[in-house]
Amino acid sequence: MQDVVLALLAKEPSHGYDLRRRLVAALGPLGETLNVGQVYVTLTRLEKAGLVVQEREDEPVRGPRRKVYAVTAAGQERVAAWMADWAGPKGDVTGFHLKLVAAAESGLADPVALVDTRRRELMHSLAEVQHAVLAQEPDSEAGLLLEGVALRWQAELRWLEVCERTWSVRARGGRAENPGGE
């Protein structure tokens, strides 16, 4: 969560309620369980780590002046490193999904390029796993586990196709009609 918050702050300084709103808008149902307290706890941790600084809102639109958080140079470096790094095919899809959303929302990385990199890694790893499946005895536990890995990665490859279609259409200024449909 810290890296996603940093990426959103890299686009523009913000206060906790606005960050939560942006996260919910970007993540949809996945973000609805996120409460503003979690956002402020994350901001406090980032501030203690020297990755964000706290300021006061100059001209509040309404109500009292709020605490606004901005990314420091160290925070910029961390989010840039996070965007450039990937844990490989064994990384979880949720983390990758968050990275895609953060890339699209912050403009710090091209989501289509991230999808392409992930696809190449998965294709290479999938070929290795499929080769390993063939080396196993039929109906062996190891073969079954490897087959499960292969099937998950095949499903992720299909999901990446949907992601690429969606972000490619958005990049052209359009809106995907039915990104999950065939």
Protein backbone atom coordinates (compact mmCIF):
# COMPACT_ATOMS: atom_id res chain seq x y z
CA MET A 1 0.00 0.00 0.00
CA GLN A 2 2.87 2.39 0.75
CA ASP A 3 4.15 2.28 -2.81
CA VAL A 4 0.70 2.90 -4.28
CA VAL A 5 0.21 5.91 -1.99
CA LEU A 6 3.65 7.24 -2.96
CA ALA A 7 2.81 6.86 -6.65
CA LEU A 8 -0.45 8.77 -6.23
CA LEU A 9 1.35 11.50 -4.30
CA ALA A 10 4.01 11.66 -7.01
CA LYS A 11 1.30 12.88 -9.35
CA GLU A 12 0.13 15.58 -6.93
CA PRO A 13 0.22 16.38 -3.21
CA SER A 14 -2.94 15.32 -1.41
CA HIS A 15 -4.64 14.79 1.93
CA GLY A 16 -5.74 11.41 3.27
CA TYR A 17 -9.43 11.63 2.37
CA ASP A 18 -8.60 12.57 -1.21
CA LEU A 19 -6.07 9.73 -1.44
CA ARG A 20 -8.68 7.25 -0.24
CA ARG A 21 -11.17 8.60 -2.79
CA ARG A 22 -8.58 8.21 -5.58
CA LEU A 23 -7.71 4.67 -4.45
CA VAL A 24 -11.38 3.64 -4.34
CA ALA A 25 -11.95 5.16 -7.78
CA ALA A 26 -8.92 3.34 -9.19
CA LEU A 27 -9.47 -0.03 -7.49
CA GLY A 28 -13.25 -0.21 -7.56
CA PRO A 29 -14.65 -2.89 -5.23
CA LEU A 30 -11.13 -3.86 -4.12
CA GLY A 31 -10.61 -0.39 -2.71
CA GLU A 32 -13.96 -0.02 -0.95
CA THR A 33 -12.76 -1.90 2.14
CA LEU A 34 -9.92 0.58 2.57
CA ASN A 35 -10.71 3.04 5.35
CA VAL A 36 -9.24 6.50 5.67
CA GLY A 37 -7.51 5.50 8.92
CA GLN A 38 -5.38 3.01 6.97
CA VAL A 39 -4.42 5.78 4.57
CA TYR A 40 -3.38 8.10 7.41
CA VAL A 41 -1.41 5.32 9.15
CA THR A 42 0.40 4.72 5.87
CA LEU A 43 1.07 8.45 5.46
CA THR A 44 2.48 8.64 9.01
CA ARG A 45 4.81 5.72 8.30
CA LEU A 46 5.93 7.28 5.03
CA GLU A 47 6.57 10.58 6.79
CA LYS A 48 8.64 8.90 9.52
CA ALA A 49 10.66 7.17 6.79
CA GLY A 50 11.34 10.53 5.13
CA LEU A 51 9.43 9.60 1.97
CA VAL A 52 6.71 12.26 2.31
CA VAL A 53 6.44 15.64 4.01
CA GLN A 54 3.40 17.20 5.58
CA GLU A 55 2.21 20.66 4.67
CA ARG A 56 -0.95 22.64 5.31
CA GLU A 57 -3.46 23.35 2.58
CA ASP A 58 -2.97 26.91 1.28
CA GLU A 59 -6.53 27.81 0.37
CA PRO A 60 -9.03 25.19 1.54
CA VAL A 61 -12.06 24.86 -0.71
CA ARG A 62 -14.23 24.40 2.38
CA GLY A 63 -13.67 23.74 6.04
CA PRO A 64 -10.43 24.03 8.01
CA ARG A 65 -6.97 23.77 6.45
CA ARG A 66 -6.03 20.13 6.04
CA LYS A 67 -2.73 18.32 6.21
CA VAL A 68 -1.48 17.79 2.70
CA TYR A 69 1.28 15.30 1.96
CA ALA A 70 3.89 15.60 -0.79
CA VAL A 71 6.56 13.16 -1.93
CA THR A 72 10.19 13.90 -1.05
CA ALA A 73 13.12 13.17 -3.36
CA ALA A 74 13.67 9.90 -1.46
CA GLY A 75 9.99 9.05 -1.99
CA GLN A 76 10.33 9.76 -5.72
CA GLU A 77 13.32 7.43 -5.87
CA ARG A 78 11.46 4.67 -4.04
CA VAL A 79 8.38 4.83 -6.25
CA ALA A 80 10.57 4.92 -9.39
CA ALA A 81 12.45 1.85 -8.15
CA TRP A 82 9.14 0.10 -7.37
CA MET A 83 7.82 0.82 -10.85
CA ALA A 84 11.02 -0.52 -12.42
CA ASP A 85 11.23 -3.64 -10.23
CA TRP A 86 9.17 -6.75 -10.57
CA ALA A 87 9.38 -9.83 -8.37
CA GLY A 88 9.09 -12.11 -11.38
CA PRO A 89 6.38 -14.61 -12.21
CA LYS A 90 6.13 -15.77 -8.62
CA GLY A 91 4.92 -12.33 -7.50
CA ASP A 92 1.26 -12.09 -6.58
CA VAL A 93 -1.28 -10.77 -9.05
CA THR A 94 -2.74 -8.36 -6.50
CA GLY A 95 0.61 -6.60 -6.19
CA PHE A 96 0.94 -6.42 -9.95
CA HIS A 97 -2.62 -5.12 -10.30
CA LEU A 98 -1.85 -2.37 -7.79
CA LYS A 99 1.28 -1.48 -9.74
CA LEU A 100 -0.76 -1.22 -12.96
CA VAL A 101 -3.31 1.05 -11.31
CA ALA A 102 -0.59 3.18 -9.74
CA ALA A 103 1.23 3.45 -13.07
CA ALA A 104 -1.93 4.56 -14.86
CA GLU A 105 -3.02 6.97 -12.14
CA SER A 106 0.39 8.56 -11.54
CA GLY A 107 1.67 8.60 -15.10
CA LEU A 108 5.04 7.35 -13.81
CA ALA A 109 5.06 4.25 -15.99
CA ASP A 110 3.20 2.95 -19.02
CA PRO A 111 0.74 0.23 -17.91
CA VAL A 112 0.94 -1.41 -21.36
CA ALA A 113 4.73 -1.66 -21.05
CA LEU A 114 4.37 -3.21 -17.59
CA VAL A 115 1.86 -5.72 -19.00
CA ASP A 116 4.23 -6.55 -21.85
CA THR A 117 7.14 -7.15 -19.45
CA ARG A 118 4.98 -9.34 -17.22
CA ARG A 119 3.74 -11.31 -20.24
CA ARG A 120 7.29 -12.05 -21.45
CA GLU A 121 8.30 -13.23 -17.97
CA LEU A 122 5.24 -15.46 -17.68
CA MET A 123 5.69 -16.96 -21.15
CA HIS A 124 9.28 -17.91 -20.34
CA SER A 125 8.35 -19.38 -16.95
CA LEU A 126 5.30 -21.15 -18.37
CA ALA A 127 7.47 -22.90 -20.97
CA GLU A 128 9.79 -24.09 -18.19
CA VAL A 129 6.89 -25.37 -16.08
CA GLN A 130 5.28 -27.15 -19.03
CA HIS A 131 8.60 -28.84 -19.76
CA ALA A 132 8.85 -29.89 -16.10
CA VAL A 133 5.29 -31.30 -16.20
CA LEU A 134 6.28 -33.55 -19.11
CA ALA A 135 9.22 -34.88 -17.10
CA GLN A 136 6.93 -36.08 -14.27
CA GLU A 137 5.25 -39.43 -13.95
CA PRO A 138 1.59 -39.32 -15.03
CA ASP A 139 -0.74 -38.44 -12.14
CA SER A 140 2.15 -37.68 -9.77
CA GLU A 141 1.69 -35.08 -7.03
CA ALA A 142 4.55 -33.01 -8.41
CA GLY A 143 3.04 -33.12 -11.89
CA LEU A 144 -0.33 -32.09 -10.50
CA LEU A 145 1.17 -29.15 -8.62
CA LEU A 146 3.13 -28.06 -11.68
CA GLU A 147 0.00 -28.35 -13.81
CA GLY A 148 -1.78 -26.06 -11.31
CA VAL A 149 0.99 -23.50 -11.64
CA ALA A 150 0.77 -23.71 -15.44
CA LEU A 151 -2.99 -23.23 -15.41
CA ARG A 152 -2.76 -20.20 -13.09
CA TRP A 153 -0.14 -18.61 -15.33
CA GLN A 154 -2.24 -19.30 -18.43
CA ALA A 155 -5.17 -17.59 -16.75
CA GLU A 156 -2.94 -14.65 -15.82
CA LEU A 157 -1.80 -14.40 -19.45
CA ARG A 158 -5.45 -14.12 -20.53
CA TRP A 159 -5.99 -11.45 -17.87
CA LEU A 160 -2.95 -9.54 -19.15
CA GLU A 161 -4.53 -9.53 -22.63
CA VAL A 162 -7.62 -7.87 -21.14
CA CYS A 163 -5.45 -5.34 -19.29
CA GLU A 164 -3.51 -4.52 -22.46
CA ARG A 165 -6.72 -4.05 -24.48
CA THR A 166 -8.18 -1.80 -21.80
CA TRP A 167 -5.14 0.44 -21.36
CA SER A 168 -4.43 0.56 -25.10
CA VAL A 169 -7.94 1.86 -25.74
CA ARG A 170 -7.56 4.41 -22.93
CA ALA A 171 -4.20 5.54 -24.32
CA ARG A 172 -5.92 6.27 -27.62
CA GLY A 173 -8.48 8.37 -25.76
CA GLY A 174 -11.31 5.87 -25.98
CA ARG A 175 -13.09 3.71 -23.48
CA ALA A 176 -13.13 -0.09 -23.55
CA GLU A 177 -16.68 -1.28 -24.26
CA ASN A 178 -16.43 -4.70 -22.67
CA PRO A 179 -12.85 -5.38 -21.61
CA GLY A 180 -13.65 -8.83 -20.18
CA GLY A 181 -15.84 -10.05 -23.03
CA GLU A 182 -14.86 -12.20 -25.93
